[in-house]
Every structure is written in structure tokens, then in C-alpha cells.
């Protein structure tokens, strides 16, 4: 499907389901977990422990594996969470590709 077809599909889906999905995010696909790890290291490493890491985080923030183990956290739910300001989290200002990559990184550690 061509890019314009994906944008049209995104528009139809957004109208049908009452939500807006950026066409660029749909066209991007699932994201790159390696690039997502880099985003996580830049933005999240001070508070969240990484999979297989030995660092103990004192903030009380859940580790990435703990986040990933919550089956209710879908890519869409994580995107909504990352776009919503929270008292204990900085305003991340991630673009769609960075968000896709970060979500891919988080979900890559999910045990299937």
C-alpha cells in the first residue's frame, strides 16, 4: 500500500474509532527496539532499570521488564501514557519515531 493509501486508512480508522493515529506512526511500523534503548538511556535511565541490568533504582519507578509484563499496556496505551504529563516523569517531547522506538524497546522485553 502506498503512503497516501496508509494515510487514508489512518483517517478512516480515526473517524471510525474516534481516535487519531498519526499516519506517519502507522507507516513507520513497530519501531526499532535498538533505537528505543538509546532513547530510554537518554531519557529514562535515571529512574527505570533496564532488562538484565544490575543497577538498583531508588525512585520507585518500575523497571522496563515490569512495565512490559503488564499485558494491558498495548502500544497505543503506552503512546497515550508517554504523551500525557505525569507528576513524577519529565515531559519527554518525543517525536513519533522516537515514541515508536521506545515502545518497541519496552515491549521487546515482554515474556510471551
C-alpha atoms as a PDB file:
ATOM      1  CA  UNK A   1       0.000   0.000   0.000  1.00  0.00           C
ATOM      2  CA  UNK A   2       1.354   3.396  -0.938  1.00  0.00           C
ATOM      3  CA  UNK A   3       1.904   6.158   1.603  1.00  0.00           C
ATOM      4  CA  UNK A   4      -1.255   8.006   0.550  1.00  0.00           C
ATOM      5  CA  UNK A   5      -3.222   4.784   0.980  1.00  0.00           C
ATOM      6  CA  UNK A   6      -1.871   4.383   4.525  1.00  0.00           C
ATOM      7  CA  UNK A   7      -2.807   7.977   5.336  1.00  0.00           C
ATOM      8  CA  UNK A   8      -6.312   7.398   4.002  1.00  0.00           C
ATOM      9  CA  UNK A   9      -6.598   4.197   6.042  1.00  0.00           C
ATOM     10  CA  UNK A  10      -5.440   6.105   9.148  1.00  0.00           C
ATOM     11  CA  UNK A  11      -8.045   8.792   8.548  1.00  0.00           C
ATOM     12  CA  UNK A  12     -10.825   6.234   8.055  1.00  0.00           C
ATOM     13  CA  UNK A  13      -9.744   4.351  11.194  1.00  0.00           C
ATOM     14  CA  UNK A  14      -9.591   7.555  13.215  1.00  0.00           C
ATOM     15  CA  UNK A  15     -13.099   8.503  12.107  1.00  0.00           C
ATOM     16  CA  UNK A  16     -14.453   5.002  12.725  1.00  0.00           C
ATOM     17  CA  UNK A  17     -12.909   4.563  16.173  1.00  0.00           C
ATOM     18  CA  UNK A  18     -12.964   8.158  17.370  1.00  0.00           C
ATOM     19  CA  UNK A  19      -9.207   8.340  17.859  1.00  0.00           C
ATOM     20  CA  UNK A  20      -6.432   9.972  15.893  1.00  0.00           C
ATOM     21  CA  UNK A  21      -3.475   7.857  14.795  1.00  0.00           C
ATOM     22  CA  UNK A  22      -0.740   9.856  13.057  1.00  0.00           C
ATOM     23  CA  UNK A  23      -0.293   8.391   9.585  1.00  0.00           C
ATOM     24  CA  UNK A  24       3.463   8.635   9.981  1.00  0.00           C
ATOM     25  CA  UNK A  25       3.319   6.365  13.033  1.00  0.00           C
ATOM     26  CA  UNK A  26       1.212   3.816  11.183  1.00  0.00           C
ATOM     27  CA  UNK A  27       3.524   3.928   8.174  1.00  0.00           C
ATOM     28  CA  UNK A  28       6.603   3.557  10.404  1.00  0.00           C
ATOM     29  CA  UNK A  29       5.527   0.190  11.710  1.00  0.00           C
ATOM     30  CA  UNK A  30       6.527  -1.235  15.035  1.00  0.00           C
ATOM     31  CA  UNK A  31       9.646   0.829  15.717  1.00  0.00           C
ATOM     32  CA  UNK A  32      13.237  -0.194  16.330  1.00  0.00           C
ATOM     33  CA  UNK A  33      13.976  -1.630  19.794  1.00  0.00           C
ATOM     34  CA  UNK A  34      17.714  -0.862  19.488  1.00  0.00           C
ATOM     35  CA  UNK A  35      16.996   2.798  18.745  1.00  0.00           C
ATOM     36  CA  UNK A  36      14.383   2.661  21.526  1.00  0.00           C
ATOM     37  CA  UNK A  37      17.026   1.522  24.003  1.00  0.00           C
ATOM     38  CA  UNK A  38      19.058   4.600  23.068  1.00  0.00           C
ATOM     39  CA  UNK A  39      16.014   6.811  23.692  1.00  0.00           C
ATOM     40  CA  UNK A  40      15.462   5.055  27.029  1.00  0.00           C
ATOM     41  CA  UNK A  41      19.094   5.541  28.030  1.00  0.00           C
ATOM     42  CA  UNK A  42      18.867   9.245  27.233  1.00  0.00           C
ATOM     43  CA  UNK A  43      15.505   9.915  28.918  1.00  0.00           C
ATOM     44  CA  UNK A  44      14.663   7.105  31.335  1.00  0.00           C
ATOM     45  CA  UNK A  45      17.844   5.561  32.784  1.00  0.00           C
ATOM     46  CA  UNK A  46      17.875   7.768  35.880  1.00  0.00           C
ATOM     47  CA  UNK A  47      14.616   6.265  37.113  1.00  0.00           C
ATOM     48  CA  UNK A  48      13.886   2.955  35.343  1.00  0.00           C
ATOM     49  CA  UNK A  49      16.063  -0.178  35.459  1.00  0.00           C
ATOM     50  CA  UNK A  50      16.894  -1.903  32.174  1.00  0.00           C
ATOM     51  CA  UNK A  51      16.342  -5.594  31.341  1.00  0.00           C
ATOM     52  CA  UNK A  52      19.250  -7.630  32.665  1.00  0.00           C
ATOM     53  CA  UNK A  53      20.675  -4.583  34.421  1.00  0.00           C
ATOM     54  CA  UNK A  54      22.200  -4.650  37.870  1.00  0.00           C
ATOM     55  CA  UNK A  55      21.502  -1.002  38.682  1.00  0.00           C
ATOM     56  CA  UNK A  56      19.128  -0.508  41.595  1.00  0.00           C
ATOM     57  CA  UNK A  57      16.793   2.407  41.115  1.00  0.00           C
ATOM     58  CA  UNK A  58      15.700   4.145  44.317  1.00  0.00           C
ATOM     59  CA  UNK A  59      12.940   6.265  42.759  1.00  0.00           C
ATOM     60  CA  UNK A  60      10.295   3.560  42.974  1.00  0.00           C
ATOM     61  CA  UNK A  61       9.783   3.704  39.214  1.00  0.00           C
ATOM     62  CA  UNK A  62       9.075   0.276  37.699  1.00  0.00           C
ATOM     63  CA  UNK A  63      11.764  -1.442  35.665  1.00  0.00           C
ATOM     64  CA  UNK A  64      11.282  -1.819  31.935  1.00  0.00           C
ATOM     65  CA  UNK A  65      10.611  -5.579  32.316  1.00  0.00           C
ATOM     66  CA  UNK A  66       7.965  -4.793  34.959  1.00  0.00           C
ATOM     67  CA  UNK A  67       6.304  -2.313  32.611  1.00  0.00           C
ATOM     68  CA  UNK A  68       6.438  -4.811  29.749  1.00  0.00           C
ATOM     69  CA  UNK A  69       4.903  -7.563  31.881  1.00  0.00           C
ATOM     70  CA  UNK A  70       1.658  -5.598  32.203  1.00  0.00           C
ATOM     71  CA  UNK A  71      -0.365  -7.130  29.349  1.00  0.00           C
ATOM     72  CA  UNK A  72      -2.831  -4.220  29.473  1.00  0.00           C
ATOM     73  CA  UNK A  73      -0.120  -1.916  28.157  1.00  0.00           C
ATOM     74  CA  UNK A  74      -0.604  -2.067  24.428  1.00  0.00           C
ATOM     75  CA  UNK A  75       1.445   0.059  22.033  1.00  0.00           C
ATOM     76  CA  UNK A  76      -1.480   2.501  21.879  1.00  0.00           C
ATOM     77  CA  UNK A  77      -1.772   2.656  25.685  1.00  0.00           C
ATOM     78  CA  UNK A  78       1.976   3.275  26.028  1.00  0.00           C
ATOM     79  CA  UNK A  79       1.803   6.014  23.373  1.00  0.00           C
ATOM     80  CA  UNK A  80      -1.034   7.726  25.250  1.00  0.00           C
ATOM     81  CA  UNK A  81       0.881   7.439  28.529  1.00  0.00           C
ATOM     82  CA  UNK A  82       4.068   8.876  27.017  1.00  0.00           C
ATOM     83  CA  UNK A  83       2.141  11.834  25.593  1.00  0.00           C
ATOM     84  CA  UNK A  84       0.446  12.687  28.901  1.00  0.00           C
ATOM     85  CA  UNK A  85       2.314  14.747  31.530  1.00  0.00           C
ATOM     86  CA  UNK A  86       2.818  12.990  34.876  1.00  0.00           C
ATOM     87  CA  UNK A  87       3.971  14.423  38.197  1.00  0.00           C
ATOM     88  CA  UNK A  88       6.930  12.089  38.571  1.00  0.00           C
ATOM     89  CA  UNK A  89       8.028  11.977  34.923  1.00  0.00           C
ATOM     90  CA  UNK A  90       9.599  14.709  32.820  1.00  0.00           C
ATOM     91  CA  UNK A  91       7.787  15.978  29.750  1.00  0.00           C
ATOM     92  CA  UNK A  92       9.605  13.866  27.175  1.00  0.00           C
ATOM     93  CA  UNK A  93       8.844  15.755  23.935  1.00  0.00           C
ATOM     94  CA  UNK A  94       9.460  12.631  21.833  1.00  0.00           C
ATOM     95  CA  UNK A  95       8.617  12.640  18.150  1.00  0.00           C
ATOM     96  CA  UNK A  96       6.518   9.805  16.676  1.00  0.00           C
ATOM     97  CA  UNK A  97       9.540   7.773  15.559  1.00  0.00           C
ATOM     98  CA  UNK A  98      11.212   8.062  18.977  1.00  0.00           C
ATOM     99  CA  UNK A  99       7.964   7.014  20.653  1.00  0.00           C
ATOM    100  CA  UNK A 100       7.587   4.032  18.308  1.00  0.00           C
ATOM    101  CA  UNK A 101      11.175   3.024  19.043  1.00  0.00           C
ATOM    102  CA  UNK A 102      10.783   3.407  22.825  1.00  0.00           C
ATOM    103  CA  UNK A 103       7.536   1.418  22.799  1.00  0.00           C
ATOM    104  CA  UNK A 104       9.214  -1.278  20.715  1.00  0.00           C
ATOM    105  CA  UNK A 105      12.088  -1.432  23.223  1.00  0.00           C
ATOM    106  CA  UNK A 106       9.714  -1.713  26.185  1.00  0.00           C
ATOM    107  CA  UNK A 107       7.578  -4.418  24.581  1.00  0.00           C
ATOM    108  CA  UNK A 108      10.615  -6.360  23.293  1.00  0.00           C
ATOM    109  CA  UNK A 109      11.321  -7.474  26.865  1.00  0.00           C
ATOM    110  CA  UNK A 110       7.791  -8.859  27.286  1.00  0.00           C
ATOM    111  CA  UNK A 111       7.777 -12.585  28.011  1.00  0.00           C
ATOM    112  CA  UNK A 112       5.500 -14.280  25.507  1.00  0.00           C
END
